[in-house]
Structures are given as structure tokens and as C-alpha cells.
N, C-alpha and C. Protein backbone atom coordinates (compact mmCIF):
# COMPACT_ATOMS: atom_id res chain seq x y z
N MET A 1 21.44 17.37 36.23
CA MET A 1 21.94 17.02 34.77
C MET A 1 22.95 16.03 34.83
N GLU A 2 23.23 14.91 34.29
CA GLU A 2 24.06 14.07 34.21
C GLU A 2 24.69 14.57 32.76
N LYS A 3 26.21 14.30 33.00
CA LYS A 3 27.25 14.66 31.85
C LYS A 3 27.23 13.71 31.17
N ASP A 4 27.30 13.93 29.69
CA ASP A 4 27.48 12.71 28.65
C ASP A 4 28.83 12.35 28.70
N HIS A 5 29.47 11.28 29.21
CA HIS A 5 30.94 10.77 29.15
C HIS A 5 30.97 9.97 28.43
N LYS A 6 30.30 9.85 27.15
CA LYS A 6 30.70 8.70 26.28
C LYS A 6 31.97 9.06 25.59
N PRO A 7 32.21 10.48 25.22
CA PRO A 7 33.55 10.79 24.55
C PRO A 7 34.68 10.30 25.50
N LEU A 8 34.66 10.32 26.72
CA LEU A 8 35.77 10.01 27.71
C LEU A 8 35.65 8.50 27.78
N LYS A 9 34.46 7.66 27.57
CA LYS A 9 34.98 6.36 27.80
C LYS A 9 35.74 5.69 26.59
N LYS A 10 35.56 6.48 25.50
CA LYS A 10 36.37 6.05 24.28
C LYS A 10 37.72 6.47 24.72
N GLN A 11 38.28 7.69 25.27
CA GLN A 11 39.52 8.08 25.39
C GLN A 11 40.15 7.55 26.47
N LEU A 12 39.50 7.06 27.60
CA LEU A 12 40.01 6.54 28.74
C LEU A 12 40.21 4.91 28.62
N THR A 13 40.81 4.14 29.43
CA THR A 13 40.67 2.77 29.56
C THR A 13 39.76 2.65 30.51
N PRO A 14 39.16 1.39 30.67
CA PRO A 14 38.05 1.19 31.74
C PRO A 14 38.45 1.61 33.26
N LEU A 15 39.91 1.25 33.43
CA LEU A 15 40.15 1.63 34.91
C LEU A 15 40.39 3.22 35.23
N GLN A 16 40.69 3.51 33.98
CA GLN A 16 41.08 5.08 34.28
C GLN A 16 39.58 5.67 34.64
N TYR A 17 38.59 5.28 33.57
CA TYR A 17 37.18 5.86 33.57
C TYR A 17 36.18 5.86 35.09
N GLU A 18 36.75 4.22 35.49
CA GLU A 18 36.09 4.06 36.76
C GLU A 18 36.94 4.91 37.92
N VAL A 19 37.92 5.01 37.91
CA VAL A 19 38.62 5.92 38.86
C VAL A 19 38.39 7.46 38.58
N THR A 20 38.36 7.99 37.69
CA THR A 20 38.18 9.40 37.70
C THR A 20 36.53 9.82 37.51
N LYS A 21 35.73 9.09 37.24
CA LYS A 21 34.42 9.44 36.81
C LYS A 21 33.32 8.52 37.99
N ASN A 22 33.95 7.59 38.27
CA ASN A 22 32.86 6.60 39.41
C ASN A 22 33.68 6.92 40.62
N ASN A 23 34.63 7.46 41.19
CA ASN A 23 35.23 7.52 42.25
C ASN A 23 35.73 6.42 42.97
N GLY A 24 36.38 5.59 41.76
CA GLY A 24 37.02 4.08 42.00
C GLY A 24 38.53 4.06 42.69
N THR A 25 39.05 3.43 42.85
CA THR A 25 40.32 3.00 43.59
C THR A 25 41.12 1.67 42.74
N GLU A 26 42.28 1.79 42.26
CA GLU A 26 42.96 0.91 41.68
C GLU A 26 43.66 0.23 42.85
N PRO A 27 44.21 -0.78 42.51
CA PRO A 27 44.59 -1.87 43.64
C PRO A 27 46.35 -1.37 43.85
N PRO A 28 46.56 -1.36 45.05
CA PRO A 28 48.15 -0.94 45.67
C PRO A 28 48.99 -1.89 45.15
N PHE A 29 49.91 -1.40 44.83
CA PHE A 29 51.34 -2.06 44.30
C PHE A 29 51.08 -2.81 42.83
N ARG A 30 49.81 -2.69 42.34
CA ARG A 30 49.52 -2.96 41.01
C ARG A 30 49.27 -1.79 40.24
N ASN A 31 49.67 -0.65 40.14
CA ASN A 31 49.36 0.13 39.71
C ASN A 31 50.48 1.29 38.53
N GLU A 32 50.45 1.68 37.79
CA GLU A 32 51.29 2.24 37.02
C GLU A 32 52.57 3.05 37.64
N TYR A 33 52.20 3.99 38.47
CA TYR A 33 52.86 4.81 39.01
C TYR A 33 53.62 4.72 40.56
N TRP A 34 52.68 3.72 41.17
CA TRP A 34 53.19 3.72 42.68
C TRP A 34 54.87 3.69 42.71
N ASN A 35 55.33 2.75 42.07
CA ASN A 35 56.84 2.96 42.17
C ASN A 35 57.62 3.66 41.12
N GLU A 36 57.11 4.66 40.67
CA GLU A 36 57.76 5.54 39.55
C GLU A 36 58.56 6.75 40.31
N PHE A 37 59.98 6.83 40.22
CA PHE A 37 60.75 8.10 41.00
C PHE A 37 61.55 8.30 39.85
N ARG A 38 61.30 8.45 38.52
CA ARG A 38 62.09 9.67 37.57
C ARG A 38 61.85 11.04 37.97
N ASP A 39 62.50 11.90 37.65
CA ASP A 39 62.04 13.27 37.73
C ASP A 39 60.79 13.68 36.51
N GLY A 40 59.78 14.50 36.83
CA GLY A 40 59.08 14.65 35.92
C GLY A 40 57.72 15.10 36.45
N ILE A 41 56.84 15.52 35.67
CA ILE A 41 55.48 15.79 36.43
C ILE A 41 54.47 14.93 36.25
N TYR A 42 53.27 15.15 37.00
CA TYR A 42 52.15 14.26 36.95
C TYR A 42 50.83 14.78 36.56
N VAL A 43 50.25 14.70 35.48
CA VAL A 43 49.06 15.86 35.13
C VAL A 43 47.69 14.81 34.83
N ASP A 44 46.86 15.77 35.14
CA ASP A 44 45.47 15.14 34.82
C ASP A 44 45.00 14.57 33.63
N ILE A 45 44.76 13.07 33.66
CA ILE A 45 44.45 12.21 32.52
C ILE A 45 43.82 12.61 31.43
N ILE A 46 43.01 13.46 32.03
CA ILE A 46 41.73 14.09 31.05
C ILE A 46 41.94 15.37 30.68
N SER A 47 42.13 16.33 31.46
CA SER A 47 42.61 17.91 30.92
C SER A 47 44.25 18.14 30.81
N GLY A 48 44.80 17.36 31.18
CA GLY A 48 46.48 17.63 30.87
C GLY A 48 47.09 18.53 31.70
N LYS A 49 46.22 19.18 32.93
CA LYS A 49 46.58 20.02 33.77
C LYS A 49 47.59 19.26 34.78
N PRO A 50 48.55 20.43 34.84
CA PRO A 50 49.88 19.71 36.02
C PRO A 50 49.24 19.47 37.33
N LEU A 51 49.49 18.53 38.01
CA LEU A 51 49.23 18.28 39.27
C LEU A 51 50.19 18.50 40.22
N PHE A 52 50.92 17.17 40.08
CA PHE A 52 52.00 16.97 41.16
C PHE A 52 53.37 16.74 40.21
N THR A 53 54.38 17.20 41.10
CA THR A 53 55.80 16.93 40.54
C THR A 53 56.26 15.91 41.45
N SER A 54 57.31 15.22 40.69
CA SER A 54 58.22 14.03 41.28
C SER A 54 59.12 14.54 42.41
N LYS A 55 59.33 16.03 42.72
CA LYS A 55 60.28 16.78 43.69
C LYS A 55 59.48 16.43 44.77
N ASP A 56 57.94 16.31 44.80
CA ASP A 56 57.24 16.26 46.05
C ASP A 56 56.80 14.62 46.16
N LYS A 57 57.02 13.60 45.33
CA LYS A 57 56.81 12.42 45.63
C LYS A 57 57.46 12.07 46.50
N TYR A 58 57.09 10.81 47.45
CA TYR A 58 57.95 9.87 48.34
C TYR A 58 57.32 8.67 48.34
N ASP A 59 57.79 7.64 48.90
CA ASP A 59 57.41 6.31 49.12
C ASP A 59 56.90 6.36 50.39
N ALA A 60 55.43 6.11 50.70
CA ALA A 60 54.65 6.07 51.54
C ALA A 60 54.50 4.80 52.03
N GLY A 61 54.98 3.73 51.23
CA GLY A 61 54.47 2.33 51.76
C GLY A 61 53.33 1.99 51.71
N CYS A 62 52.43 2.70 50.71
CA CYS A 62 51.05 2.45 50.93
C CYS A 62 50.51 1.78 49.29
N GLY A 63 51.49 1.74 48.42
CA GLY A 63 51.35 1.04 47.16
C GLY A 63 50.56 1.88 46.21
N TRP A 64 50.33 3.21 46.48
CA TRP A 64 49.88 4.25 45.51
C TRP A 64 50.90 5.52 45.41
N PRO A 65 51.07 6.06 44.36
CA PRO A 65 51.75 7.03 44.55
C PRO A 65 51.44 8.30 45.44
N SER A 66 52.24 8.76 46.03
CA SER A 66 52.17 9.49 47.27
C SER A 66 53.16 11.11 47.02
N PHE A 67 52.38 12.19 47.64
CA PHE A 67 53.23 13.51 47.21
C PHE A 67 52.67 14.10 48.47
N THR A 68 53.54 15.14 48.70
CA THR A 68 53.23 16.14 49.95
C THR A 68 52.53 17.24 49.58
N LYS A 69 52.59 17.47 48.60
CA LYS A 69 51.57 18.65 48.01
C LYS A 69 51.36 18.74 46.59
N PRO A 70 50.46 19.47 46.11
CA PRO A 70 49.92 19.39 44.72
C PRO A 70 51.18 20.44 44.31
N ILE A 71 51.11 20.90 42.81
CA ILE A 71 51.96 21.90 42.28
C ILE A 71 51.37 23.23 42.85
N LYS A 72 49.98 23.24 42.48
CA LYS A 72 49.18 24.49 42.80
C LYS A 72 47.78 24.01 43.56
N GLU A 73 47.81 24.45 44.80
CA GLU A 73 46.65 24.08 45.72
C GLU A 73 45.38 24.39 44.74
N GLU A 74 45.35 25.46 44.10
CA GLU A 74 43.89 26.08 43.44
C GLU A 74 43.51 25.19 42.48
N ASP A 75 44.59 23.91 42.01
CA ASP A 75 44.07 23.27 41.03
C ASP A 75 43.65 22.10 41.47
N VAL A 76 43.33 21.96 42.76
CA VAL A 76 42.83 20.62 43.29
C VAL A 76 41.49 21.11 44.39
N ALA A 77 40.56 20.18 44.23
CA ALA A 77 39.64 20.40 45.08
C ALA A 77 39.55 19.53 46.62
N GLU A 78 38.97 19.49 47.42
CA GLU A 78 38.93 18.88 48.54
C GLU A 78 37.48 18.61 49.28
N LYS A 79 36.96 17.44 49.20
CA LYS A 79 35.77 17.70 49.79
C LYS A 79 35.55 16.28 50.79
N SER A 80 34.99 16.19 51.63
CA SER A 80 34.48 15.27 52.68
C SER A 80 33.95 14.13 51.60
N ASP A 81 34.37 12.96 52.04
CA ASP A 81 34.04 11.55 51.62
C ASP A 81 33.50 10.61 52.74
N TYR A 82 32.40 10.34 52.90
CA TYR A 82 31.90 9.55 53.89
C TYR A 82 31.54 8.21 53.22
N SER A 83 32.21 7.65 52.30
CA SER A 83 31.93 6.03 51.75
C SER A 83 32.94 5.40 52.37
N HIS A 84 32.29 3.96 51.96
CA HIS A 84 33.07 2.73 52.59
C HIS A 84 32.99 2.85 54.23
N GLY A 85 32.22 3.59 54.89
CA GLY A 85 32.08 3.40 56.28
C GLY A 85 33.30 4.27 57.05
N MET A 86 34.02 5.31 56.11
CA MET A 86 35.20 5.88 56.64
C MET A 86 35.13 7.48 56.50
N ILE A 87 35.61 8.06 57.16
CA ILE A 87 35.70 9.54 56.90
C ILE A 87 37.02 9.92 56.52
N ARG A 88 37.14 10.64 55.02
CA ARG A 88 38.33 10.61 54.46
C ARG A 88 38.04 12.18 53.63
N ILE A 89 39.06 12.60 53.28
CA ILE A 89 39.06 13.75 52.54
C ILE A 89 39.41 13.61 51.02
N GLU A 90 38.33 13.72 50.21
CA GLU A 90 38.81 13.23 48.57
C GLU A 90 39.38 14.36 48.08
N VAL A 91 40.33 14.05 46.76
CA VAL A 91 41.14 15.22 46.29
C VAL A 91 40.64 15.23 44.78
N ARG A 92 39.89 16.20 44.12
CA ARG A 92 39.38 16.06 42.89
C ARG A 92 40.35 17.14 42.07
N SER A 93 40.42 16.84 40.73
CA SER A 93 41.00 18.05 39.72
C SER A 93 40.03 18.74 39.40
N LYS A 94 40.18 20.13 39.68
CA LYS A 94 39.39 21.38 39.33
C LYS A 94 39.07 21.38 37.85
N SER A 95 39.97 21.08 37.06
CA SER A 95 40.09 21.31 35.70
C SER A 95 39.08 20.16 34.97
N SER A 96 38.80 19.05 35.54
CA SER A 96 37.94 17.99 34.93
C SER A 96 36.86 17.46 35.58
N ASP A 97 37.01 18.07 37.18
CA ASP A 97 36.00 17.53 37.97
C ASP A 97 36.24 15.76 38.32
N SER A 98 37.49 15.38 38.18
CA SER A 98 38.07 13.87 38.22
C SER A 98 38.20 13.35 39.57
N HIS A 99 37.82 12.67 40.13
CA HIS A 99 38.42 12.19 41.07
C HIS A 99 39.84 11.19 41.24
N LEU A 100 40.92 11.86 42.02
CA LEU A 100 42.22 11.69 41.78
C LEU A 100 42.68 10.79 43.28
N GLY A 101 41.87 10.78 44.19
CA GLY A 101 42.43 9.81 45.59
C GLY A 101 42.09 10.92 46.81
N HIS A 102 42.91 10.71 47.64
CA HIS A 102 42.32 11.09 49.07
C HIS A 102 43.91 11.84 49.76
N VAL A 103 43.62 13.09 50.67
CA VAL A 103 44.60 13.16 51.34
C VAL A 103 44.46 12.96 53.04
N PHE A 104 45.47 12.82 53.47
CA PHE A 104 45.60 12.10 54.88
C PHE A 104 46.61 12.88 55.53
N ASN A 105 46.62 12.92 56.87
CA ASN A 105 47.41 13.90 57.66
C ASN A 105 48.41 13.11 58.44
N ASP A 106 49.03 12.11 57.44
CA ASP A 106 50.00 11.34 58.21
C ASP A 106 51.29 11.41 57.16
N GLY A 107 51.53 12.44 56.59
CA GLY A 107 52.43 12.60 55.68
C GLY A 107 54.03 13.11 56.44
N PRO A 108 54.88 13.28 55.74
CA PRO A 108 56.21 13.92 55.84
C PRO A 108 56.05 15.37 55.88
N GLY A 109 57.18 15.74 56.36
CA GLY A 109 57.31 17.47 55.92
C GLY A 109 56.30 18.35 56.91
N PRO A 110 56.63 19.46 56.84
CA PRO A 110 56.02 20.78 57.57
C PRO A 110 54.34 20.70 57.58
N SER A 111 53.97 20.28 56.44
CA SER A 111 52.12 20.26 56.30
C SER A 111 51.81 18.92 57.08
N GLY A 112 52.69 17.82 56.85
CA GLY A 112 52.34 16.50 57.59
C GLY A 112 51.31 15.99 56.47
N LEU A 113 51.24 16.35 55.21
CA LEU A 113 50.06 15.89 54.47
C LEU A 113 50.47 14.59 53.54
N ARG A 114 49.94 13.84 53.08
CA ARG A 114 49.85 12.59 52.25
C ARG A 114 48.76 12.78 51.26
N TYR A 115 48.94 13.23 49.87
CA TYR A 115 48.32 13.17 48.85
C TYR A 115 48.57 11.41 48.31
N CYS A 116 47.56 10.76 48.56
CA CYS A 116 47.88 9.31 48.16
C CYS A 116 46.80 9.13 46.79
N MET A 117 47.35 9.17 45.49
CA MET A 117 46.53 9.48 44.45
C MET A 117 46.56 7.97 43.60
N ASN A 118 45.88 8.02 42.77
CA ASN A 118 45.60 6.76 41.85
C ASN A 118 46.54 7.18 40.65
N SER A 119 47.13 6.20 40.24
CA SER A 119 47.96 6.32 38.74
C SER A 119 46.88 6.57 37.47
N ALA A 120 45.79 5.45 37.91
CA ALA A 120 44.84 5.78 36.77
C ALA A 120 44.38 7.17 36.36
N ALA A 121 44.30 8.20 37.13
CA ALA A 121 43.87 9.22 37.05
C ALA A 121 44.77 10.26 36.71
N MET A 122 46.05 9.96 36.28
CA MET A 122 47.02 10.80 36.07
C MET A 122 47.92 10.27 34.99
N ARG A 123 48.88 11.15 34.34
CA ARG A 123 49.61 10.64 33.36
C ARG A 123 51.17 11.24 33.64
N PHE A 124 51.88 10.42 33.79
CA PHE A 124 53.54 10.91 33.78
C PHE A 124 54.35 11.44 32.75
N ILE A 125 54.92 12.55 33.11
CA ILE A 125 55.66 13.04 31.96
C ILE A 125 57.14 13.19 32.19
N PRO A 126 57.80 12.13 31.99
CA PRO A 126 59.26 12.71 32.35
C PRO A 126 59.81 13.98 32.08
N LYS A 127 60.99 14.21 32.51
CA LYS A 127 61.53 15.69 32.56
C LYS A 127 62.13 16.10 31.37
N ASP A 128 62.43 14.68 30.51
CA ASP A 128 63.26 14.93 29.19
C ASP A 128 62.30 15.32 28.04
N LYS A 129 60.86 14.70 28.45
CA LYS A 129 59.67 14.98 27.55
C LYS A 129 58.82 16.31 27.57
N LEU A 130 59.21 17.17 28.78
CA LEU A 130 58.47 18.28 29.20
C LEU A 130 58.12 19.24 28.25
N GLN A 131 59.56 19.51 27.59
CA GLN A 131 59.17 20.58 26.36
C GLN A 131 58.47 20.21 25.25
N GLU A 132 58.80 19.08 25.00
CA GLU A 132 57.98 18.59 23.50
C GLU A 132 56.47 18.33 24.04
N GLU A 133 56.30 18.19 25.04
CA GLU A 133 54.77 17.85 25.35
C GLU A 133 53.83 19.14 25.85
N GLY A 134 54.47 20.13 25.73
CA GLY A 134 53.81 21.62 26.20
C GLY A 134 54.09 21.97 27.60
N TYR A 135 55.04 21.51 28.56
CA TYR A 135 54.84 21.79 29.66
C TYR A 135 56.37 22.26 30.06
N LYS A 136 57.13 23.23 29.13
CA LYS A 136 58.32 23.83 29.00
C LYS A 136 58.56 24.66 30.50
N GLU A 137 57.74 25.18 31.05
CA GLU A 137 57.70 26.35 32.29
C GLU A 137 58.36 24.93 33.26
N PHE A 138 57.87 23.78 33.61
CA PHE A 138 58.63 23.01 34.43
C PHE A 138 59.95 22.55 34.12
N VAL A 139 60.49 22.56 33.33
CA VAL A 139 61.86 22.07 33.09
C VAL A 139 62.76 22.52 34.03
N VAL A 140 62.39 24.13 34.40
CA VAL A 140 63.60 24.64 35.23
C VAL A 140 63.34 23.83 36.78
N LEU A 141 62.55 23.10 37.16
CA LEU A 141 62.07 22.30 38.30
C LEU A 141 63.46 21.27 38.48
N PHE A 142 63.91 21.11 37.33
CA PHE A 142 64.97 19.77 37.34
C PHE A 142 66.13 20.17 36.73
N GLU A 143 66.17 21.27 36.32
CA GLU A 143 67.91 22.09 35.92
C GLU A 143 68.83 21.58 36.69
N ASN A 144 68.80 21.65 38.05
CA ASN A 144 69.84 21.30 39.09
C ASN A 144 70.00 19.76 39.49
N ASN A 145 69.47 19.05 38.81
CA ASN A 145 69.38 17.70 39.35
C ASN A 145 69.80 16.55 38.52
N GLU A 146 70.93 17.36 37.96
CA GLU A 146 71.74 16.08 36.97
C GLU A 146 72.53 15.37 37.77
């Protein structure tokens, strides 16, 4: 049964909708967060669920926001993606069943993972806005970062 996404079409920009609900991809180097390196967290654009932190973000040189890991692995789902003649692992938000991006095994650190995400699937909340936006429990991540 097809879900009714009419309310989402009003809530999201056309690009946000295309990425999250039609498994789209935004252009590299021309998206909101590819070059964002302030302290803060990235949340699901639809559900508001925290997904990634700037502590795990790095410049992968690919033109999309890249992270070494999600905040909580149980909040994202991974599934095989055979589209576009490639074999990749898609990353979806469990809370909204939205397409976020893909995970690759060419990243830094002990896991060697690169979570290559679409800015359009997320909203960035800077550390100085965490409390007022209802993400108080994440303030502690940035307390020793002055």
C-alpha cells in the first residue's frame, strides 16, 4: 500500500522530498552541509531524530557530508542498493524510513566506514541551539570543546 506523502510534500522542499522519499541524490559540493564544520548535530529532516554529530564528521573530498559513524547505529538501517548499475549499501533513517545516503568502506578510523549523506535529508543544529531546540542531552558532547 502506497503511503500518502501529501503532508510531507508541503513540509519539505522539492529537493528534500526527492532525496528522502524517492532515494534521490543532491549535487556534490552544491549542498547545504558538505562544508559545514561547526560543532553540532545532524537530525532527520522529517522526524527530528538525531543521526550524526560533528565530532564524527570529516572532509572526505566527495562533496557530501561524511561521517565515520551514526550517533546510534540502531537509528539507521542499511540495505543493499543495486540501482544505477552499482552495488552499494543504502542508509535509511529508521524513524522516518527516509533515504539518507550510502555507507562505503573507504573511510578513516578503526571502522573504515564513510557514511556519505545527503544534506537535504538532514537538519543541522549548532551546539549553541541544542538546548532550545530540545536536544539538551547532546550539549555534553561539546562541553570540553571551547
